[in-house]
PDB file of all heavy atoms in Angstrom:
ATOM      1  N   GLU A   1       0.809  -1.225   0.000  1.00  0.00           N
ATOM      2  CA  GLU A   1       0.000   0.000   0.000  1.00  0.00           C
ATOM      3  C   GLU A   1       0.835   1.265   0.000  1.00  0.00           C
ATOM      4  O   GLU A   1       0.352   2.345  -0.340  1.00  0.00           O
ATOM      5  CB  GLU A   1      -0.928  -0.006   1.232  1.00  0.00           C
ATOM      6  CG  GLU A   1      -2.010  -1.078   1.214  1.00  0.00           C
ATOM      7  CD  GLU A   1      -1.461  -2.452   1.553  1.00  0.00           C
ATOM      8  OE1 GLU A   1      -0.296  -2.535   2.043  1.00  0.00           O
ATOM      9  OE2 GLU A   1      -2.169  -3.447   1.321  1.00  0.00           O
ATOM     10  N   GLU A   2       2.112   1.162   0.348  1.00  0.00           N
ATOM     11  CA  GLU A   2       2.975   2.355   0.386  1.00  0.00           C
ATOM     12  C   GLU A   2       3.384   2.817  -1.006  1.00  0.00           C
ATOM     13  O   GLU A   2       3.915   3.920  -1.177  1.00  0.00           O
ATOM     14  CB  GLU A   2       4.222   2.079   1.230  1.00  0.00           C
ATOM     15  CG  GLU A   2       3.937   1.883   2.701  1.00  0.00           C
ATOM     16  CD  GLU A   2       5.218   1.706   3.493  1.00  0.00           C
ATOM     17  OE1 GLU A   2       6.049   2.641   3.505  1.00  0.00           O
ATOM     18  OE2 GLU A   2       5.404   0.620   4.091  1.00  0.00           O
ATOM     19  N   GLN A   3       3.213   1.959  -2.003  1.00  0.00           N
ATOM     20  CA  GLN A   3       3.499   2.287  -3.410  1.00  0.00           C
ATOM     21  C   GLN A   3       4.953   2.727  -3.624  1.00  0.00           C
ATOM     22  O   GLN A   3       5.236   3.700  -4.326  1.00  0.00           O
ATOM     23  CB  GLN A   3       2.527   3.361  -3.913  1.00  0.00           C
ATOM     24  CG  GLN A   3       1.078   2.911  -3.901  1.00  0.00           C
ATOM     25  CD  GLN A   3       0.127   3.918  -4.504  1.00  0.00           C
ATOM     26  OE1 GLN A   3       0.458   5.087  -4.651  1.00  0.00           O
ATOM     27  NE2 GLN A   3      -1.070   3.463  -4.843  1.00  0.00           N
ATOM     28  N   LYS A   4       5.865   1.984  -3.010  1.00  0.00           N
ATOM     29  CA  LYS A   4       7.297   2.254  -3.191  1.00  0.00           C
ATOM     30  C   LYS A   4       7.944   1.281  -4.181  1.00  0.00           C
ATOM     31  O   LYS A   4       9.159   1.272  -4.344  1.00  0.00           O
ATOM     32  CB  LYS A   4       8.012   2.188  -1.844  1.00  0.00           C
ATOM     33  CG  LYS A   4       7.647   3.331  -0.903  1.00  0.00           C
ATOM     34  CD  LYS A   4       8.482   3.299   0.364  1.00  0.00           C
ATOM     35  CE  LYS A   4       8.175   4.519   1.243  1.00  0.00           C
ATOM     36  NZ  LYS A   4       9.018   4.521   2.483  1.00  0.00           N
ATOM     37  N   THR A   5       7.127   0.491  -4.844  1.00  0.00           N
ATOM     38  CA  THR A   5       7.628  -0.463  -5.836  1.00  0.00           C
ATOM     39  C   THR A   5       8.419   0.261  -6.928  1.00  0.00           C
ATOM     40  O   THR A   5       8.088   1.392  -7.319  1.00  0.00           O
ATOM     41  CB  THR A   5       6.449  -1.213  -6.476  1.00  0.00           C
ATOM     42  OG1 THR A   5       5.726  -1.875  -5.444  1.00  0.00           O
ATOM     43  CG2 THR A   5       6.920  -2.211  -7.518  1.00  0.00           C
ATOM     44  N   PHE A   6       9.455  -0.413  -7.440  1.00  0.00           N
ATOM     45  CA  PHE A   6      10.183   0.118  -8.593  1.00  0.00           C
ATOM     46  C   PHE A   6       9.450  -0.342  -9.848  1.00  0.00           C
ATOM     47  O   PHE A   6       9.576  -1.489 -10.274  1.00  0.00           O
ATOM     48  CB  PHE A   6      11.628  -0.375  -8.594  1.00  0.00           C
ATOM     49  CG  PHE A   6      12.484   0.250  -9.679  1.00  0.00           C
ATOM     50  CD1 PHE A   6      12.583   1.622  -9.804  1.00  0.00           C
ATOM     51  CD2 PHE A   6      13.179  -0.552 -10.566  1.00  0.00           C
ATOM     52  CE1 PHE A   6      13.368   2.192 -10.798  1.00  0.00           C
ATOM     53  CE2 PHE A   6      13.966   0.008 -11.559  1.00  0.00           C
ATOM     54  CZ  PHE A   6      14.067   1.384 -11.672  1.00  0.00           C
ATOM     55  N   PHE A   7       8.660   0.540 -10.410  1.00  0.00           N
ATOM     56  CA  PHE A   7       7.830   0.191 -11.563  1.00  0.00           C
ATOM     57  C   PHE A   7       8.640   0.338 -12.852  1.00  0.00           C
ATOM     58  O   PHE A   7       8.550   1.329 -13.579  1.00  0.00           O
ATOM     59  CB  PHE A   7       6.579   1.065 -11.604  1.00  0.00           C
ATOM     60  CG  PHE A   7       5.599   0.746 -10.523  1.00  0.00           C
ATOM     61  CD1 PHE A   7       5.410   1.605  -9.450  1.00  0.00           C
ATOM     62  CD2 PHE A   7       4.868  -0.436 -10.558  1.00  0.00           C
ATOM     63  CE1 PHE A   7       4.504   1.303  -8.446  1.00  0.00           C
ATOM     64  CE2 PHE A   7       3.950  -0.750  -9.560  1.00  0.00           C
ATOM     65  CZ  PHE A   7       3.778   0.120  -8.495  1.00  0.00           C
ATOM     66  N   HIS A   8       9.430  -0.662 -13.117  1.00  0.00           N
ATOM     67  CA  HIS A   8      10.276  -0.665 -14.315  1.00  0.00           C
ATOM     68  C   HIS A   8      10.525  -2.124 -14.675  1.00  0.00           C
ATOM     69  O   HIS A   8      10.647  -2.978 -13.805  1.00  0.00           O
ATOM     70  CB  HIS A   8      11.614   0.032 -14.037  1.00  0.00           C
ATOM     71  CG  HIS A   8      12.445   0.221 -15.277  1.00  0.00           C
ATOM     72  ND1 HIS A   8      12.575   1.445 -15.900  1.00  0.00           N
ATOM     73  CD2 HIS A   8      13.180  -0.648 -16.005  1.00  0.00           C
ATOM     74  CE1 HIS A   8      13.367   1.318 -16.952  1.00  0.00           C
ATOM     75  NE2 HIS A   8      13.737   0.053 -17.035  1.00  0.00           N
ATOM     76  N   GLY A   9      10.609  -2.417 -15.971  1.00  0.00           N
ATOM     77  CA  GLY A   9      10.901  -3.775 -16.401  1.00  0.00           C
ATOM     78  C   GLY A   9      10.964  -3.874 -17.908  1.00  0.00           C
ATOM     79  O   GLY A   9      10.505  -2.986 -18.623  1.00  0.00           O
ATOM     80  N   HIS A  10      11.558  -4.956 -18.376  1.00  0.00           N
ATOM     81  CA  HIS A  10      11.667  -5.208 -19.807  1.00  0.00           C
ATOM     82  C   HIS A  10      11.098  -6.591 -20.107  1.00  0.00           C
ATOM     83  O   HIS A  10      11.183  -7.506 -19.282  1.00  0.00           O
ATOM     84  CB  HIS A  10      13.131  -5.141 -20.258  1.00  0.00           C
ATOM     85  CG  HIS A  10      13.749  -3.797 -20.060  1.00  0.00           C
ATOM     86  ND1 HIS A  10      13.805  -2.856 -21.053  1.00  0.00           N
ATOM     87  CD2 HIS A  10      14.297  -3.225 -18.969  1.00  0.00           C
ATOM     88  CE1 HIS A  10      14.387  -1.758 -20.586  1.00  0.00           C
ATOM     89  NE2 HIS A  10      14.697  -1.958 -19.322  1.00  0.00           N
ATOM     90  N   SER A  11      10.557  -6.765 -21.282  1.00  0.00           N
ATOM     91  CA  SER A  11       9.933  -8.041 -21.628  1.00  0.00           C
ATOM     92  C   SER A  11      10.900  -9.204 -21.474  1.00  0.00           C
ATOM     93  O   SER A  11      10.530 -10.285 -21.023  1.00  0.00           O
ATOM     94  CB  SER A  11       9.413  -7.990 -23.073  1.00  0.00           C
ATOM     95  OG  SER A  11       8.417  -7.004 -23.214  1.00  0.00           O
ATOM     96  N   PHE A  12      12.167  -8.983 -21.848  1.00  0.00           N
ATOM     97  CA  PHE A  12      13.148 -10.067 -21.810  1.00  0.00           C
ATOM     98  C   PHE A  12      14.061  -9.988 -20.586  1.00  0.00           C
ATOM     99  O   PHE A  12      15.129 -10.591 -20.568  1.00  0.00           O
ATOM    100  CB  PHE A  12      13.979 -10.084 -23.097  1.00  0.00           C
ATOM    101  CG  PHE A  12      13.259 -10.694 -24.259  1.00  0.00           C
ATOM    102  CD1 PHE A  12      12.539  -9.900 -25.131  1.00  0.00           C
ATOM    103  CD2 PHE A  12      13.286 -12.062 -24.474  1.00  0.00           C
ATOM    104  CE1 PHE A  12      11.859 -10.453 -26.208  1.00  0.00           C
ATOM    105  CE2 PHE A  12      12.616 -12.627 -25.544  1.00  0.00           C
ATOM    106  CZ  PHE A  12      11.890 -11.824 -26.425  1.00  0.00           C
ATOM    107  N   THR A  13      13.633  -9.259 -19.560  1.00  0.00           N
ATOM    108  CA  THR A  13      14.418  -9.165 -18.335  1.00  0.00           C
ATOM    109  C   THR A  13      14.760 -10.546 -17.795  1.00  0.00           C
ATOM    110  O   THR A  13      13.892 -11.391 -17.617  1.00  0.00           O
ATOM    111  CB  THR A  13      13.631  -8.380 -17.262  1.00  0.00           C
ATOM    112  OG1 THR A  13      13.509  -7.024 -17.676  1.00  0.00           O
ATOM    113  CG2 THR A  13      14.340  -8.422 -15.930  1.00  0.00           C
ATOM    114  N   GLY A  14      16.053 -10.776 -17.524  1.00  0.00           N
ATOM    115  CA  GLY A  14      16.484 -12.046 -16.952  1.00  0.00           C
ATOM    116  C   GLY A  14      16.285 -13.230 -17.860  1.00  0.00           C
ATOM    117  O   GLY A  14      16.076 -14.363 -17.390  1.00  0.00           O
ATOM    118  N   ASN A  15      16.401 -13.022 -19.172  1.00  0.00           N
ATOM    119  CA  ASN A  15      16.191 -14.102 -20.141  1.00  0.00           C
ATOM    120  C   ASN A  15      17.046 -15.320 -19.788  1.00  0.00           C
ATOM    121  O   ASN A  15      18.260 -15.199 -19.617  1.00  0.00           O
ATOM    122  CB  ASN A  15      16.535 -13.610 -21.551  1.00  0.00           C
ATOM    123  CG  ASN A  15      16.513 -14.734 -22.563  1.00  0.00           C
ATOM    124  OD1 ASN A  15      17.552 -15.218 -22.958  1.00  0.00           O
ATOM    125  ND2 ASN A  15      15.324 -15.153 -22.967  1.00  0.00           N
ATOM    126  N   PRO A  16      16.446 -16.504 -19.663  1.00  0.00           N
ATOM    127  CA  PRO A  16      17.196 -17.685 -19.224  1.00  0.00           C
ATOM    128  C   PRO A  16      18.351 -18.066 -20.149  1.00  0.00           C
ATOM    129  O   PRO A  16      19.404 -18.501 -19.666  1.00  0.00           O
ATOM    130  CB  PRO A  16      16.130 -18.787 -19.193  1.00  0.00           C
ATOM    131  CG  PRO A  16      14.837 -18.070 -19.020  1.00  0.00           C
ATOM    132  CD  PRO A  16      14.999 -16.775 -19.758  1.00  0.00           C
ATOM    133  N   VAL A  17      18.173 -17.932 -21.455  1.00  0.00           N
ATOM    134  CA  VAL A  17      19.252 -18.300 -22.371  1.00  0.00           C
ATOM    135  C   VAL A  17      20.436 -17.351 -22.199  1.00  0.00           C
ATOM    136  O   VAL A  17      21.598 -17.777 -22.116  1.00  0.00           O
ATOM    137  CB  VAL A  17      18.757 -18.295 -23.827  1.00  0.00           C
ATOM    138  CG1 VAL A  17      19.894 -18.669 -24.773  1.00  0.00           C
ATOM    139  CG2 VAL A  17      17.587 -19.251 -24.006  1.00  0.00           C
ATOM    140  N   GLY A  18      20.144 -16.046 -22.123  1.00  0.00           N
ATOM    141  CA  GLY A  18      21.213 -15.075 -21.909  1.00  0.00           C
ATOM    142  C   GLY A  18      21.914 -15.281 -20.581  1.00  0.00           C
ATOM    143  O   GLY A  18      23.145 -15.208 -20.491  1.00  0.00           O
ATOM    144  N   CYS A  19      21.160 -15.546 -19.530  1.00  0.00           N
ATOM    145  CA  CYS A  19      21.759 -15.754 -18.212  1.00  0.00           C
ATOM    146  C   CYS A  19      22.589 -17.033 -18.182  1.00  0.00           C
ATOM    147  O   CYS A  19      23.640 -17.100 -17.525  1.00  0.00           O
ATOM    148  CB  CYS A  19      20.673 -15.801 -17.137  1.00  0.00           C
ATOM    149  SG  CYS A  19      19.884 -14.197 -16.846  1.00  0.00           S
ATOM    150  N   ALA A  20      22.146 -18.067 -18.898  1.00  0.00           N
ATOM    151  CA  ALA A  20      22.893 -19.327 -18.944  1.00  0.00           C
ATOM    152  C   ALA A  20      24.254 -19.138 -19.596  1.00  0.00           C
ATOM    153  O   ALA A  20      25.277 -19.640 -19.099  1.00  0.00           O
ATOM    154  CB  ALA A  20      22.078 -20.393 -19.688  1.00  0.00           C
ATOM    155  N   VAL A  21      24.291 -18.402 -20.702  1.00  0.00           N
ATOM    156  CA  VAL A  21      25.582 -18.199 -21.357  1.00  0.00           C
ATOM    157  C   VAL A  21      26.452 -17.245 -20.546  1.00  0.00           C
ATOM    158  O   VAL A  21      27.690 -17.370 -20.521  1.00  0.00           O
ATOM    159  CB  VAL A  21      25.390 -17.728 -22.815  1.00  0.00           C
ATOM    160  CG1 VAL A  21      24.953 -16.275 -22.896  1.00  0.00           C
ATOM    161  CG2 VAL A  21      26.676 -17.924 -23.616  1.00  0.00           C
ATOM    162  N   ALA A  22      25.846 -16.308 -19.830  1.00  0.00           N
ATOM    163  CA  ALA A  22      26.619 -15.428 -18.945  1.00  0.00           C
ATOM    164  C   ALA A  22      27.287 -16.231 -17.833  1.00  0.00           C
ATOM    165  O   ALA A  22      28.453 -15.998 -17.485  1.00  0.00           O
ATOM    166  CB  ALA A  22      25.712 -14.352 -18.348  1.00  0.00           C
ATOM    167  N   LEU A  23      26.552 -17.180 -17.268  1.00  0.00           N
ATOM    168  CA  LEU A  23      27.139 -18.036 -16.228  1.00  0.00           C
ATOM    169  C   LEU A  23      28.341 -18.811 -16.752  1.00  0.00           C
ATOM    170  O   LEU A  23      29.375 -18.921 -16.079  1.00  0.00           O
ATOM    171  CB  LEU A  23      26.073 -19.012 -15.707  1.00  0.00           C
ATOM    172  CG  LEU A  23      25.097 -18.456 -14.680  1.00  0.00           C
ATOM    173  CD1 LEU A  23      23.892 -19.380 -14.542  1.00  0.00           C
ATOM    174  CD2 LEU A  23      25.780 -18.263 -13.332  1.00  0.00           C
ATOM    175  N   GLU A  24      28.217 -19.338 -17.945  1.00  0.00           N
ATOM    176  CA  GLU A  24      29.336 -20.089 -18.518  1.00  0.00           C
ATOM    177  C   GLU A  24      30.504 -19.159 -18.846  1.00  0.00           C
ATOM    178  O   GLU A  24      31.673 -19.533 -18.679  1.00  0.00           O
ATOM    179  CB  GLU A  24      28.883 -20.847 -19.765  1.00  0.00           C
ATOM    180  CG  GLU A  24      29.963 -21.697 -20.419  1.00  0.00           C
ATOM    181  CD  GLU A  24      30.515 -22.798 -19.512  1.00  0.00           C
ATOM    182  OE1 GLU A  24      29.874 -23.128 -18.493  1.00  0.00           O
ATOM    183  OE2 GLU A  24      31.593 -23.331 -19.830  1.00  0.00           O
ATOM    184  N   SER A  25      30.206 -17.951 -19.311  1.00  0.00           N
ATOM    185  CA  SER A  25      31.271 -16.985 -19.587  1.00  0.00           C
ATOM    186  C   SER A  25      32.050 -16.650 -18.308  1.00  0.00           C
ATOM    187  O   SER A  25      33.281 -16.600 -18.312  1.00  0.00           O
ATOM    188  CB  SER A  25      30.684 -15.704 -20.185  1.00  0.00           C
ATOM    189  OG  SER A  25      31.695 -14.733 -20.386  1.00  0.00           O
ATOM    190  N   LEU A  26      31.331 -16.443 -17.211  1.00  0.00           N
ATOM    191  CA  LEU A  26      32.001 -16.163 -15.939  1.00  0.00           C
ATOM    192  C   LEU A  26      32.835 -17.362 -15.484  1.00  0.00           C
ATOM    193  O   LEU A  26      33.939 -17.204 -14.946  1.00  0.00           O
ATOM    194  CB  LEU A  26      30.973 -15.802 -14.871  1.00  0.00           C
ATOM    195  CG  LEU A  26      30.231 -14.474 -15.070  1.00  0.00           C
ATOM    196  CD1 LEU A  26      29.187 -14.273 -13.976  1.00  0.00           C
ATOM    197  CD2 LEU A  26      31.196 -13.296 -15.093  1.00  0.00           C
TER     198      LEU A  26
END
């Protein structure tokens, strides 16, 4: 009810394929 949420996002936020290859790169 305090409405302090961060109202921002992208359709592909945290894409699993991108995150998987990032993990392997690291």
